Amino acid sequence: MKKGTLKKVLRYAGKYRILIAVSMILAIVTALLSLYVPILAGRAVDQLLGKGAVDFGKVIMILTEMVVSVLIVAICQWIMNKANNRITFQVVRDVRREAFDKLQKLSFEYLDTKQTGDIVSRIISDVDLFSDGLLMGFTQLFTGIVTILGTLVFMFYLNAKIAVVVVVLTPLSLFVAKFVATRSFTLFKQQSEARAAQTSFVDEMVGNLSVVKAFAHEDENLEFFDEINDKLEDTSVKATFFSSLTNPSTRFINNLVYAAVALFGAFACISGKMTVGGLTIFLSYANQYTKPFNEISGVVTELQNALACAERVFSLIEQEPETPDKENAPDTLQAEGIVDMKDVSFSYDKSKKLIEDLNLDIKKGQRVAIVGPTGSGKTTLINLLMRFYDVDEGHISIDGTDIRDLKRSALRSNFGMVLQETWLKNGTVRENITLGRAGFTDEEIIAAAKASHAHSFIKRLPNGYDTVISENGGNLSQGQKQLLCITRVMLSIPPMLILDEATSSIDTSTEIRIQKAFNKMMTGRTSFIVAHRLSTIREADVILVMKDGHIIEQGNHKQLIDKKGFYFDLYNSQFA
């Protein structure tokens, strides 16, 4: 799994191969010059032969060369860090853009089964943590590898026997790093999942705080939050503990390497096989050789966290999108409103049947009311009609054309929807009514607002139609928010209407007036009305009574009352 995730990361990074090449070249230059500086230091030491035998001219020349080398290293590192930053944040930008783009294409099935907070956590938090690990990887990993290889070459050139001692001790550091990395990945993955659960819960609670307070559910929420928080703490502490083992354990091994080099080097100096300057170079190389192992171990630990987060992001990106529109599907549709459903079967969970063998023939301009107990399939029918979900079997056609042969945008542009759940965007009241579409005059907007009885409360707002409201509607009541949603439909009346508990949050007197406006608006337009208050659908041409995914009764209000069946009992139960 980790290898697959790493390959995907490298695929994104591959787009910036020129910057990567620049970074690698500069890393090589930096590493080689860093290795050259100890040689210069050793030469300088060898010029200090004793009292009165110091060649100050050569020492000054060597020190000048060292200063120039260090300056070049500093400049190369600065440019390399800029290149690495650019690579990292462009990769992160691409990943986040692709994740958000996929979010627009995902099916409702995926969105309905995932918590909002979890999706937000993947696109925001997980990508941020992924970028931190990726930046550290680009900055330190390649430089460290080049430094290790370069140091080995120089050490073998200076003294092969001491170099062999260093190489023999190296696997200990690698073993420790692998041991820590293996355990860190699993723990960091659990940490990401716990963080996502916490984000989801906080998002849900903030969005529904009034409901929590209304039901005095604060204590239970605190207990549940504490459980999630404790789990996050537990996984975070374990992940941090294991990852923090890396540095001290590798430093201990590095000190062993340094001590071994000092010991064998001292014997070589005593036997005359190495100068003091040569030992100075070797000790410096021992430090430079082991230092990258500390850095690489830290990088590997961070990469475990980054890859664990990247895996969650890529699982979102790789989700199957909703079934694409057919290539030759028409972009526009001017529907008359003839709807036909033949042998339609559908279920959210394929192991549990919901709608089976549903047949329906709706003529142009008919008002179709859909009633039934909760879970009977009323809203599901609307979801299928709008192609939020595709049918499992059978077909639904508009004016004789299967809706799967139409582009979703063309199909949905022919429907006006007012739902029980209101949704507003951050912007002015005017923008929320027009949804940003141009071509509407102030007179048309005001006329629509008057028809929906929203004009009176809009006038009382601080800036009227130019009042800025937040995403959740700010200080507007639920009824006022629903009136704004009704105004949208009143402004641009499409050929077909869907009213799903459209007046559920509105007072009775206003509802009666809006129903009159709806009746006028629905004249000549095919309309689907989902309602629990059966008094609101008495004027419907056809009432569909649904139960367990089947239409068990069909007719107008009088016919169904005279039949004294399920609808009769349902209607009378509201006035008992």
Protein backbone atom coordinates (compact mmCIF):
# COMPACT_ATOMS: atom_id res chain seq x y z
CA MET A 1 0.00 0.00 0.00
CA LYS A 2 2.81 2.41 0.96
CA LYS A 3 4.74 1.65 -2.25
CA GLY A 4 1.61 2.27 -4.32
CA THR A 5 0.97 5.56 -2.51
CA LEU A 6 4.60 6.64 -3.00
CA LYS A 7 4.35 5.91 -6.74
CA LYS A 8 1.28 8.12 -6.96
CA VAL A 9 3.11 10.94 -5.17
CA LEU A 10 6.05 10.59 -7.55
CA ARG A 11 3.64 10.69 -10.50
CA TYR A 12 2.40 14.10 -9.37
CA ALA A 13 5.96 15.28 -8.73
CA GLY A 14 7.01 14.08 -12.20
CA LYS A 15 5.24 17.06 -13.78
CA TYR A 16 7.96 19.27 -12.31
CA ARG A 17 10.95 17.20 -13.44
CA ILE A 18 12.93 20.31 -14.47
CA LEU A 19 12.72 21.73 -10.94
CA ILE A 20 13.54 18.29 -9.53
CA ALA A 21 16.61 18.08 -11.81
CA VAL A 22 17.74 21.55 -10.67
CA SER A 23 17.24 20.52 -7.02
CA MET A 24 19.24 17.31 -7.52
CA ILE A 25 22.13 19.07 -9.28
CA LEU A 26 22.31 21.65 -6.52
CA ALA A 27 22.14 18.87 -3.90
CA ILE A 28 25.13 17.15 -5.55
CA VAL A 29 27.08 20.43 -5.67
CA THR A 30 26.20 21.15 -2.02
CA ALA A 31 27.19 17.65 -0.89
CA LEU A 32 30.51 17.60 -2.79
CA LEU A 33 31.55 21.05 -1.59
CA SER A 34 30.53 20.11 1.98
CA LEU A 35 32.83 17.09 1.65
CA TYR A 36 35.61 19.22 0.19
CA VAL A 37 35.63 21.60 3.19
CA PRO A 38 36.96 18.91 5.65
CA ILE A 39 39.79 18.13 3.19
CA LEU A 40 40.75 21.81 3.25
CA ALA A 41 40.54 21.78 7.07
CA GLY A 42 42.84 18.72 7.19
CA ARG A 43 45.35 20.41 4.90
CA ALA A 44 45.32 23.49 7.12
CA VAL A 45 45.97 21.31 10.18
CA ASP A 46 48.92 19.68 8.43
CA GLN A 47 50.44 23.15 7.85
CA LEU A 48 50.59 23.66 11.64
CA LEU A 49 53.72 21.53 12.09
CA GLY A 50 54.87 23.11 15.33
CA LYS A 51 56.38 26.20 16.87
CA GLY A 52 58.06 28.27 14.18
CA ALA A 53 57.11 25.79 11.46
CA VAL A 54 53.71 27.17 10.45
CA ASP A 55 53.17 28.12 6.78
CA PHE A 56 50.79 31.05 7.31
CA GLY A 57 50.63 31.82 3.56
CA LYS A 58 49.24 28.40 2.73
CA VAL A 59 46.93 28.46 5.76
CA ILE A 60 45.42 31.79 4.61
CA MET A 61 44.99 30.47 1.04
CA ILE A 62 43.28 27.32 2.36
CA LEU A 63 41.01 29.32 4.69
CA THR A 64 40.04 31.63 1.78
CA GLU A 65 39.15 28.57 -0.31
CA MET A 66 37.08 27.25 2.60
CA VAL A 67 35.16 30.54 2.91
CA VAL A 68 34.42 30.57 -0.84
CA SER A 69 33.26 26.92 -0.71
CA VAL A 70 30.97 27.62 2.26
CA LEU A 71 29.45 30.66 0.49
CA ILE A 72 28.77 28.59 -2.64
CA VAL A 73 27.16 25.88 -0.47
CA ALA A 74 24.92 28.51 1.21
CA ILE A 75 23.80 29.96 -2.15
CA CYS A 76 23.14 26.49 -3.60
CA GLN A 77 21.11 25.49 -0.51
CA TRP A 78 19.04 28.68 -0.72
CA ILE A 79 18.19 28.08 -4.41
CA MET A 80 17.59 24.37 -3.74
CA ASN A 81 15.18 25.15 -0.88
CA LYS A 82 13.26 27.56 -3.11
CA ALA A 83 13.00 24.87 -5.81
CA ASN A 84 11.89 22.26 -3.25
CA ASN A 85 9.25 24.63 -1.85
CA ARG A 86 7.93 25.26 -5.33
CA ILE A 87 7.80 21.53 -6.16
CA THR A 88 6.06 20.69 -2.88
CA PHE A 89 3.39 23.35 -2.97
CA GLN A 90 2.65 22.83 -6.67
CA VAL A 91 2.20 19.10 -6.03
CA VAL A 92 -0.04 19.88 -3.05
CA ARG A 93 -2.00 22.39 -5.15
CA ASP A 94 -2.50 19.76 -7.88
CA VAL A 95 -3.56 17.06 -5.39
CA ARG A 96 -6.01 19.39 -3.62
CA ARG A 97 -7.41 20.66 -6.93
CA GLU A 98 -7.89 17.11 -8.23
CA ALA A 99 -9.51 16.05 -4.95
CA PHE A 100 -11.93 18.98 -5.07
CA ASP A 101 -12.57 18.38 -8.77
CA LYS A 102 -13.39 14.73 -8.02
CA LEU A 103 -15.72 15.91 -5.26
CA GLN A 104 -17.81 17.69 -7.91
CA LYS A 105 -18.06 14.46 -9.92
CA LEU A 106 -18.75 11.98 -7.15
CA SER A 107 -22.09 10.25 -7.00
CA PHE A 108 -24.66 11.05 -4.34
CA GLU A 109 -24.21 7.48 -3.15
CA TYR A 110 -20.64 8.26 -2.01
CA LEU A 111 -21.55 11.65 -0.50
CA ASP A 112 -24.52 10.18 1.36
CA THR A 113 -22.35 7.48 2.97
CA LYS A 114 -19.46 9.77 4.05
CA GLN A 115 -19.48 12.35 6.81
CA THR A 116 -18.90 15.93 5.66
CA GLY A 117 -16.17 16.45 8.24
CA ASP A 118 -14.28 13.38 7.00
CA ILE A 119 -14.24 14.70 3.42
CA VAL A 120 -13.18 18.18 4.63
CA SER A 121 -10.42 16.59 6.73
CA ARG A 122 -9.07 14.72 3.71
CA ILE A 123 -8.92 17.78 1.46
CA ILE A 124 -7.65 20.25 4.08
CA SER A 125 -5.88 18.66 7.08
CA ASP A 126 -4.54 15.53 5.39
CA VAL A 127 -3.18 17.47 2.41
CA ASP A 128 -1.47 19.95 4.78
CA LEU A 129 0.25 17.14 6.68
CA PHE A 130 1.12 15.46 3.40
CA SER A 131 2.80 18.69 2.21
CA ASP A 132 4.90 18.92 5.40
CA GLY A 133 6.30 15.41 4.91
CA LEU A 134 6.81 15.94 1.19
CA LEU A 135 8.72 19.19 1.75
CA MET A 136 11.02 17.54 4.28
CA GLY A 137 11.53 14.65 1.85
CA PHE A 138 12.57 16.89 -1.04
CA THR A 139 14.71 19.10 1.19
CA GLN A 140 16.69 16.45 3.08
CA LEU A 141 16.29 13.02 1.49
CA PHE A 142 18.27 13.43 -1.75
CA THR A 143 20.92 15.65 -0.14
CA GLY A 144 21.38 13.07 2.60
CA ILE A 145 21.76 10.18 0.14
CA VAL A 146 24.32 12.10 -1.95
CA THR A 147 26.24 13.04 1.22
CA ILE A 148 26.37 9.40 2.39
CA LEU A 149 27.57 8.07 -0.99
CA GLY A 150 30.10 10.91 -1.42
CA THR A 151 31.46 10.45 2.10
CA LEU A 152 31.95 6.71 1.53
CA VAL A 153 33.90 7.37 -1.67
CA PHE A 154 36.21 9.88 0.04
CA MET A 155 36.69 7.65 3.12
CA PHE A 156 37.64 4.62 1.02
CA TYR A 157 40.05 6.83 -0.89
CA LEU A 158 41.69 8.03 2.36
CA ASN A 159 41.76 4.75 4.33
CA ALA A 160 39.89 1.65 3.20
CA LYS A 161 40.22 -0.25 6.51
CA ILE A 162 38.59 2.48 8.63
CA ALA A 163 35.94 2.96 5.93
CA VAL A 164 35.06 -0.75 6.18
CA VAL A 165 34.52 -0.34 9.95
CA VAL A 166 32.07 2.50 9.22
CA VAL A 167 30.20 0.46 6.60
CA VAL A 168 29.93 -2.58 8.92
CA LEU A 169 28.24 -0.48 11.62
CA THR A 170 25.87 1.25 9.14
CA PRO A 171 23.18 -1.53 8.98
CA LEU A 172 22.44 -0.98 12.68
CA SER A 173 21.18 2.52 11.87
CA LEU A 174 19.16 1.25 8.90
CA PHE A 175 17.61 -1.52 11.00
CA VAL A 176 16.50 0.94 13.70
CA ALA A 177 15.05 3.32 11.07
CA LYS A 178 13.08 0.50 9.40
CA PHE A 179 11.79 -0.79 12.74
CA VAL A 180 10.50 2.65 13.71
CA ALA A 181 9.12 3.50 10.23
CA THR A 182 7.06 0.29 9.99
CA ARG A 183 5.27 0.93 13.27
CA SER A 184 4.95 4.67 12.71
CA PHE A 185 2.99 4.29 9.45
CA THR A 186 0.19 2.26 11.06
CA LEU A 187 -0.04 4.63 14.03
CA PHE A 188 -0.03 7.77 11.86
CA LYS A 189 -2.81 6.26 9.72
CA GLN A 190 -4.89 5.63 12.85
CA GLN A 191 -4.13 9.19 13.96
CA SER A 192 -5.45 10.59 10.63
CA GLU A 193 -8.65 8.55 10.94
CA ALA A 194 -9.19 9.69 14.54
CA ARG A 195 -8.58 13.30 13.52
CA ALA A 196 -11.13 12.95 10.68
CA ALA A 197 -13.72 11.51 13.12
CA GLN A 198 -13.15 14.44 15.45
CA THR A 199 -13.47 16.97 12.60
CA SER A 200 -16.71 15.30 11.45
CA PHE A 201 -18.22 15.41 14.93
CA VAL A 202 -17.24 19.05 15.55
CA ASP A 203 -18.60 20.03 12.11
CA GLU A 204 -21.89 18.28 12.86
CA MET A 205 -22.23 19.83 16.30
CA VAL A 206 -21.41 23.39 15.18
CA GLY A 207 -23.91 23.12 12.32
CA ASN A 208 -26.65 21.82 14.63
CA LEU A 209 -25.90 23.62 17.89
CA SER A 210 -29.46 24.88 18.29
CA VAL A 211 -30.79 21.30 18.06
CA VAL A 212 -28.23 20.13 20.65
CA LYS A 213 -29.31 22.87 23.07
CA ALA A 214 -33.00 22.31 22.38
CA PHE A 215 -32.69 18.66 23.46
CA ALA A 216 -30.22 19.43 26.30
CA HIS A 217 -27.75 16.99 24.75
CA GLU A 218 -24.61 18.90 25.78
CA ASP A 219 -23.39 16.40 28.39
CA GLU A 220 -23.80 13.40 26.07
CA ASN A 221 -21.96 15.27 23.31
CA LEU A 222 -19.13 16.15 25.69
CA GLU A 223 -18.82 12.49 26.68
CA PHE A 224 -18.73 11.37 23.04
CA PHE A 225 -16.25 14.12 22.15
CA ASP A 226 -14.04 13.05 25.06
CA GLU A 227 -14.05 9.48 23.71
CA ILE A 228 -12.93 10.67 20.25
CA ASN A 229 -10.43 13.09 21.79
CA ASP A 230 -8.97 10.36 24.02
CA LYS A 231 -8.62 8.05 21.03
CA LEU A 232 -6.86 10.81 19.08
CA GLU A 233 -4.62 11.49 22.07
CA ASP A 234 -3.78 7.79 22.42
CA THR A 235 -2.88 7.29 18.75
CA SER A 236 -1.01 10.62 18.62
CA VAL A 237 1.07 9.83 21.71
CA LYS A 238 1.97 6.38 20.40
CA ALA A 239 2.81 7.72 16.92
CA THR A 240 4.90 10.53 18.41
CA PHE A 241 6.61 8.13 20.82
CA PHE A 242 7.64 5.69 18.11
CA SER A 243 8.70 8.45 15.72
CA SER A 244 10.71 10.17 18.48
CA LEU A 245 12.70 6.97 19.07
CA THR A 246 14.39 7.52 15.73
CA ASN A 247 16.68 10.39 16.61
CA PRO A 248 18.17 9.17 19.93
CA SER A 249 18.61 5.59 18.72
CA THR A 250 20.32 6.60 15.47
CA ARG A 251 22.45 9.18 17.33
CA PHE A 252 23.64 6.42 19.69
CA ILE A 253 24.72 4.30 16.72
CA ASN A 254 26.31 7.35 15.07
CA ASN A 255 28.37 7.97 18.21
CA LEU A 256 29.54 4.35 18.08
CA VAL A 257 30.67 4.94 14.49
CA TYR A 258 32.48 8.15 15.50
CA ALA A 259 34.21 6.39 18.44
CA ALA A 260 35.29 3.51 16.19
CA VAL A 261 36.74 5.94 13.61
CA ALA A 262 38.58 7.88 16.37
CA LEU A 263 40.02 4.66 17.83
CA PHE A 264 41.21 3.11 14.55
CA GLY A 265 42.37 6.51 13.26
CA ALA A 266 44.46 7.11 16.41
CA PHE A 267 46.22 3.76 15.90
CA ALA A 268 46.83 4.68 12.24
CA CYS A 269 48.38 8.02 13.29
CA ILE A 270 50.63 6.31 15.86
CA SER A 271 51.81 3.81 13.24
CA GLY A 272 52.47 6.64 10.79
CA LYS A 273 49.88 5.48 8.23
CA MET A 274 47.83 8.67 8.64
CA THR A 275 48.62 12.28 9.49
CA VAL A 276 46.80 14.27 12.17
CA GLY A 277 45.21 16.29 9.38
CA GLY A 278 44.03 13.03 7.77
CA LEU A 279 42.47 11.95 11.08
CA THR A 280 40.75 15.34 11.30
CA ILE A 281 39.29 14.78 7.82
CA PHE A 282 38.16 11.26 8.74
CA LEU A 283 36.49 12.36 11.98
CA SER A 284 34.72 15.15 10.09
CA TYR A 285 33.57 12.62 7.48
CA ALA A 286 32.36 10.27 10.22
CA ASN A 287 30.14 13.10 11.46
CA GLN A 288 29.01 14.00 7.95
CA TYR A 289 28.36 10.36 7.12
CA THR A 290 26.19 9.69 10.18
CA LYS A 291 24.35 13.02 10.23
CA PRO A 292 22.29 12.24 7.08
CA PHE A 293 21.13 9.01 8.73
CA ASN A 294 19.58 11.09 11.52
CA GLU A 295 17.98 13.38 8.93
CA ILE A 296 16.84 10.53 6.69
CA SER A 297 15.39 8.69 9.71
CA GLY A 298 13.45 11.86 10.60
CA VAL A 299 12.38 12.23 6.97
CA VAL A 300 11.23 8.60 6.83
CA THR A 301 9.18 9.12 10.00
CA GLU A 302 7.57 12.25 8.56
CA LEU A 303 7.00 10.45 5.27
CA GLN A 304 5.06 7.74 7.13
CA ASN A 305 2.68 10.44 8.37
CA ALA A 306 2.61 12.07 4.93
CA LEU A 307 1.95 8.78 3.12
CA ALA A 308 -0.77 7.81 5.62
CA CYS A 309 -2.50 11.15 4.90
CA ALA A 310 -1.83 10.87 1.14
CA GLU A 311 -3.44 7.43 1.12
CA ARG A 312 -6.69 8.90 2.46
CA VAL A 313 -6.59 11.73 -0.10
CA PHE A 314 -5.89 9.35 -2.99
CA SER A 315 -8.73 7.07 -1.89
CA LEU A 316 -11.03 10.08 -2.44
CA ILE A 317 -9.42 10.98 -5.79
CA GLU A 318 -9.69 7.37 -7.01
CA GLN A 319 -13.36 6.97 -6.15
CA GLU A 320 -15.52 6.04 -9.11
CA PRO A 321 -17.32 9.19 -10.34
CA GLU A 322 -21.01 9.19 -11.10
CA THR A 323 -21.97 7.64 -14.42
CA PRO A 324 -20.89 10.19 -17.06
CA ASP A 325 -23.36 11.71 -19.52
CA LYS A 326 -23.48 10.09 -22.94
CA GLU A 327 -21.22 11.76 -25.50
CA ASN A 328 -23.98 12.67 -27.93
CA ALA A 329 -26.52 13.63 -25.26
CA PRO A 330 -28.25 16.97 -26.05
CA ASP A 331 -27.10 20.03 -24.09
CA THR A 332 -30.54 21.63 -23.94
CA LEU A 333 -34.09 20.43 -23.48
CA GLN A 334 -37.38 22.29 -23.65
CA ALA A 335 -39.59 19.75 -21.93
CA GLU A 336 -43.36 19.73 -22.16
CA GLY A 337 -43.62 17.76 -18.93
CA ILE A 338 -44.72 14.27 -20.02
CA VAL A 339 -43.16 11.82 -17.55
CA ASP A 340 -43.21 8.05 -17.95
CA MET A 341 -41.81 5.43 -15.53
CA LYS A 342 -41.71 1.82 -16.66
CA ASP A 343 -40.81 -1.17 -14.45
CA VAL A 344 -38.55 0.98 -12.26
CA SER A 345 -36.63 -0.81 -9.50
CA PHE A 346 -34.12 0.82 -7.17
CA SER A 347 -32.55 0.42 -3.74
CA TYR A 348 -29.76 2.24 -1.91
CA ASP A 349 -28.56 -0.97 -0.30
CA LYS A 350 -28.70 -3.63 -3.00
CA SER A 351 -29.37 -6.32 -0.39
CA LYS A 352 -32.58 -4.54 0.70
CA LYS A 353 -35.30 -3.88 -1.85
CA LEU A 354 -36.94 -0.46 -1.80
CA ILE A 355 -38.73 0.43 -5.07
CA GLU A 356 -39.79 -2.50 -7.23
CA ASP A 357 -41.60 -2.59 -10.59
CA LEU A 358 -42.89 0.98 -10.34
CA ASN A 359 -45.01 2.16 -13.27
CA LEU A 360 -46.25 5.71 -13.68
CA ASP A 361 -47.69 7.74 -16.56
CA ILE A 362 -47.94 11.49 -15.99
CA LYS A 363 -49.45 13.82 -18.56
CA LYS A 364 -48.38 17.38 -19.33
CA GLY A 365 -49.53 19.91 -16.71
CA GLN A 366 -50.69 17.38 -14.14
CA ARG A 367 -50.20 18.08 -10.44
CA VAL A 368 -48.90 14.88 -8.89
CA ALA A 369 -48.88 14.60 -5.10
CA ILE A 370 -46.80 11.86 -3.47
CA VAL A 371 -47.77 10.81 0.04
CA GLY A 372 -46.98 7.96 2.36
CA PRO A 373 -45.27 7.09 5.63
CA THR A 374 -41.59 7.82 6.28
CA GLY A 375 -39.31 5.50 4.30
CA SER A 376 -41.95 4.64 1.73
CA GLY A 377 -39.85 6.00 -1.17
CA LYS A 378 -41.28 9.50 -1.75
CA THR A 379 -37.99 11.40 -1.78
CA THR A 380 -36.30 8.46 -3.53
CA LEU A 381 -38.73 8.93 -6.40
CA ILE A 382 -37.63 12.59 -6.68
CA ASN A 383 -33.95 11.54 -6.52
CA LEU A 384 -34.51 9.17 -9.45
CA LEU A 385 -36.46 11.76 -11.41
CA MET A 386 -33.61 14.30 -11.05
CA ARG A 387 -30.97 11.60 -11.74
CA PHE A 388 -29.30 12.09 -8.39
CA TYR A 389 -29.36 8.30 -8.54
CA ASP A 390 -29.84 6.08 -11.60
CA VAL A 391 -32.46 3.33 -11.62
CA ASP A 392 -31.29 -0.26 -11.13
CA GLU A 393 -33.87 -1.57 -13.61
CA GLY A 394 -36.48 -0.10 -15.93
CA HIS A 395 -36.41 3.46 -17.26
CA ILE A 396 -37.72 6.98 -16.67
CA SER A 397 -38.44 9.15 -19.71
CA ILE A 398 -39.27 12.84 -20.23
CA ASP A 399 -41.30 13.56 -23.38
CA GLY A 400 -40.45 10.05 -24.61
CA THR A 401 -36.66 10.38 -24.09
CA ASP A 402 -34.91 8.22 -21.49
CA ILE A 403 -33.38 10.63 -18.96
CA ARG A 404 -30.10 8.65 -19.15
CA ASP A 405 -29.85 9.81 -22.78
CA LEU A 406 -29.93 13.45 -21.62
CA LYS A 407 -27.19 15.50 -20.02
CA ARG A 408 -27.87 15.99 -16.34
CA SER A 409 -27.61 19.76 -16.74
CA ALA A 410 -30.22 19.71 -19.52
CA LEU A 411 -32.56 17.51 -17.47
CA ARG A 412 -32.25 19.52 -14.25
CA SER A 413 -32.64 22.89 -15.97
CA ASN A 414 -36.23 21.86 -16.67
CA PHE A 415 -37.03 21.39 -12.99
CA GLY A 416 -37.55 23.97 -10.27
CA MET A 417 -37.04 22.57 -6.78
CA VAL A 418 -38.09 23.81 -3.36
CA LEU A 419 -37.01 21.41 -0.65
CA GLN A 420 -37.67 21.10 3.06
CA GLU A 421 -33.95 21.67 3.68
CA THR A 422 -32.99 25.21 2.69
CA TRP A 423 -29.59 26.15 1.34
CA LEU A 424 -28.13 29.60 0.97
CA LYS A 425 -24.71 30.85 -0.07
CA ASN A 426 -22.53 33.60 1.35
CA GLY A 427 -23.66 36.71 -0.55
CA THR A 428 -26.42 39.26 -0.85
CA VAL A 429 -30.11 38.42 -0.70
CA ARG A 430 -30.32 39.36 -4.39
CA GLU A 431 -27.50 36.90 -5.27
CA ASN A 432 -29.20 34.17 -3.27
CA ILE A 433 -32.42 34.70 -5.20
CA THR A 434 -30.82 34.84 -8.67
CA LEU A 435 -28.03 32.35 -7.80
CA GLY A 436 -25.65 34.72 -9.57
CA ARG A 437 -27.47 34.44 -12.92
CA ALA A 438 -27.59 37.62 -14.97
CA GLY A 439 -30.54 38.96 -16.95
CA PHE A 440 -33.04 39.59 -14.16
CA THR A 441 -34.26 43.14 -13.52
CA ASP A 442 -34.95 44.55 -10.06
CA GLU A 443 -38.64 44.65 -10.93
CA GLU A 444 -38.67 40.91 -11.75
CA ILE A 445 -36.82 40.03 -8.53
CA ILE A 446 -39.19 42.16 -6.41
CA ALA A 447 -42.23 40.68 -8.19
CA ALA A 448 -41.01 37.15 -7.42
CA ALA A 449 -40.36 38.11 -3.79
CA LYS A 450 -43.85 39.57 -3.49
CA ALA A 451 -45.35 36.41 -4.97
CA SER A 452 -43.55 34.33 -2.34
CA HIS A 453 -44.39 36.85 0.42
CA ALA A 454 -40.67 37.36 1.11
CA HIS A 455 -40.62 41.04 0.05
CA SER A 456 -41.93 42.37 3.36
CA PHE A 457 -39.18 40.84 5.53
CA ILE A 458 -36.44 41.58 2.93
CA LYS A 459 -37.37 45.31 3.10
CA ARG A 460 -36.82 45.22 6.86
CA LEU A 461 -33.24 43.95 6.47
CA PRO A 462 -30.46 46.57 6.97
CA ASN A 463 -29.70 46.92 3.24
CA GLY A 464 -32.78 45.31 1.76
CA TYR A 465 -31.95 43.12 -1.25
CA ASP A 466 -28.26 44.08 -0.93
CA THR A 467 -27.98 42.74 2.64
CA VAL A 468 -25.16 40.21 2.86
CA ILE A 469 -26.15 36.96 4.55
CA SER A 470 -23.90 34.08 5.58
CA GLU A 471 -23.94 30.53 4.29
CA ASN A 472 -26.34 29.37 7.01
CA GLY A 473 -28.63 32.37 6.62
CA GLY A 474 -27.30 34.44 9.52
CA ASN A 475 -30.13 35.82 11.63
CA LEU A 476 -32.88 34.74 9.23
CA SER A 477 -35.47 32.37 10.62
CA GLN A 478 -35.99 28.95 9.04
CA GLY A 479 -39.24 30.19 7.53
CA GLN A 480 -37.57 33.27 6.00
CA LYS A 481 -34.83 31.08 4.50
CA GLN A 482 -37.49 28.84 2.98
CA LEU A 483 -39.26 31.88 1.53
CA LEU A 484 -36.01 32.90 -0.22
CA CYS A 485 -35.77 29.41 -1.75
CA ILE A 486 -39.39 29.70 -2.95
CA THR A 487 -38.56 33.13 -4.45
CA ARG A 488 -35.87 31.50 -6.62
CA VAL A 489 -38.45 29.27 -8.25
CA MET A 490 -40.94 32.12 -8.57
CA LEU A 491 -38.28 34.16 -10.41
CA SER A 492 -37.48 31.62 -13.12
CA ILE A 493 -40.35 29.19 -13.50
CA PRO A 494 -39.22 26.04 -15.39
CA PRO A 495 -41.53 23.57 -17.21
CA MET A 496 -41.66 21.18 -14.23
CA LEU A 497 -41.75 21.76 -10.48
CA ILE A 498 -40.77 19.67 -7.46
CA LEU A 499 -42.09 20.83 -4.10
CA ASP A 500 -40.77 18.61 -1.29
CA GLU A 501 -42.36 19.87 1.93
CA ALA A 502 -41.81 23.35 0.45
CA THR A 503 -43.81 25.16 3.16
CA SER A 504 -42.88 23.02 6.18
CA SER A 505 -41.26 25.93 8.08
CA ILE A 506 -43.85 28.61 7.23
CA ASP A 507 -46.75 29.77 9.39
CA THR A 508 -50.26 28.70 8.41
CA SER A 509 -51.55 32.09 7.20
CA THR A 510 -48.51 32.67 4.97
CA GLU A 511 -48.71 29.07 3.77
CA ILE A 512 -52.29 29.56 2.56
CA ARG A 513 -51.22 32.62 0.54
CA ILE A 514 -48.17 30.84 -0.88
CA GLN A 515 -50.33 27.85 -1.83
CA LYS A 516 -52.45 30.23 -3.93
CA ALA A 517 -49.26 31.51 -5.61
CA PHE A 518 -48.12 27.94 -6.16
CA ASN A 519 -51.47 27.01 -7.69
CA LYS A 520 -51.11 29.89 -10.13
CA MET A 521 -47.51 28.95 -10.89
CA MET A 522 -48.35 25.27 -11.41
CA THR A 523 -51.03 25.99 -14.00
CA GLY A 524 -49.96 24.23 -17.21
CA ARG A 525 -46.80 22.85 -15.59
CA THR A 526 -46.15 19.27 -14.52
CA SER A 527 -45.65 19.40 -10.77
CA PHE A 528 -44.56 16.86 -8.16
CA ILE A 529 -45.60 17.65 -4.59
CA VAL A 530 -44.27 15.67 -1.64
CA ALA A 531 -46.27 16.47 1.46
CA HIS A 532 -47.00 15.15 4.91
CA ARG A 533 -49.75 17.70 5.58
CA LEU A 534 -52.41 16.18 3.36
CA SER A 535 -54.58 19.30 3.52
CA THR A 536 -52.07 20.98 1.15
CA ILE A 537 -52.55 18.50 -1.71
CA ARG A 538 -56.33 18.21 -1.92
CA GLU A 539 -56.33 20.06 -5.26
CA ALA A 540 -53.78 17.69 -6.89
CA ASP A 541 -54.87 16.00 -10.14
CA VAL A 542 -53.28 12.71 -9.10
CA ILE A 543 -52.30 11.54 -5.62
CA LEU A 544 -49.83 8.65 -5.44
CA VAL A 545 -49.97 6.78 -2.16
CA MET A 546 -46.67 4.99 -1.56
CA LYS A 547 -45.81 2.28 0.92
CA ASP A 548 -42.64 0.14 0.98
CA GLY A 549 -41.57 1.41 -2.43
CA HIS A 550 -44.86 0.59 -4.18
CA ILE A 551 -47.74 2.78 -5.31
CA ILE A 552 -50.60 1.12 -3.45
CA GLU A 553 -53.31 3.67 -4.31
CA GLN A 554 -53.73 6.26 -7.05
CA GLY A 555 -56.40 8.85 -7.80
CA ASN A 556 -57.59 12.31 -6.81
CA HIS A 557 -58.50 13.29 -3.27
CA LYS A 558 -62.23 12.54 -3.58
CA GLN A 559 -61.66 9.16 -5.25
CA LEU A 560 -59.21 8.05 -2.56
CA ILE A 561 -61.45 9.23 0.28
CA ASP A 562 -64.42 7.39 -1.23
CA LYS A 563 -62.22 4.27 -1.56
CA LYS A 564 -61.67 4.29 2.23
CA GLY A 565 -58.28 2.64 1.95
CA PHE A 566 -54.80 3.53 3.22
CA TYR A 567 -55.08 7.20 2.14
CA PHE A 568 -58.44 7.51 3.88
CA ASP A 569 -56.88 6.32 7.17
CA LEU A 570 -53.79 8.51 6.65
CA TYR A 571 -55.89 11.61 5.94
CA ASN A 572 -58.26 11.12 8.85
CA SER A 573 -55.38 10.43 11.26
CA GLN A 574 -54.29 14.07 10.82
CA PHE A 575 -57.68 15.38 11.87
CA ALA A 576 -58.56 12.83 14.54
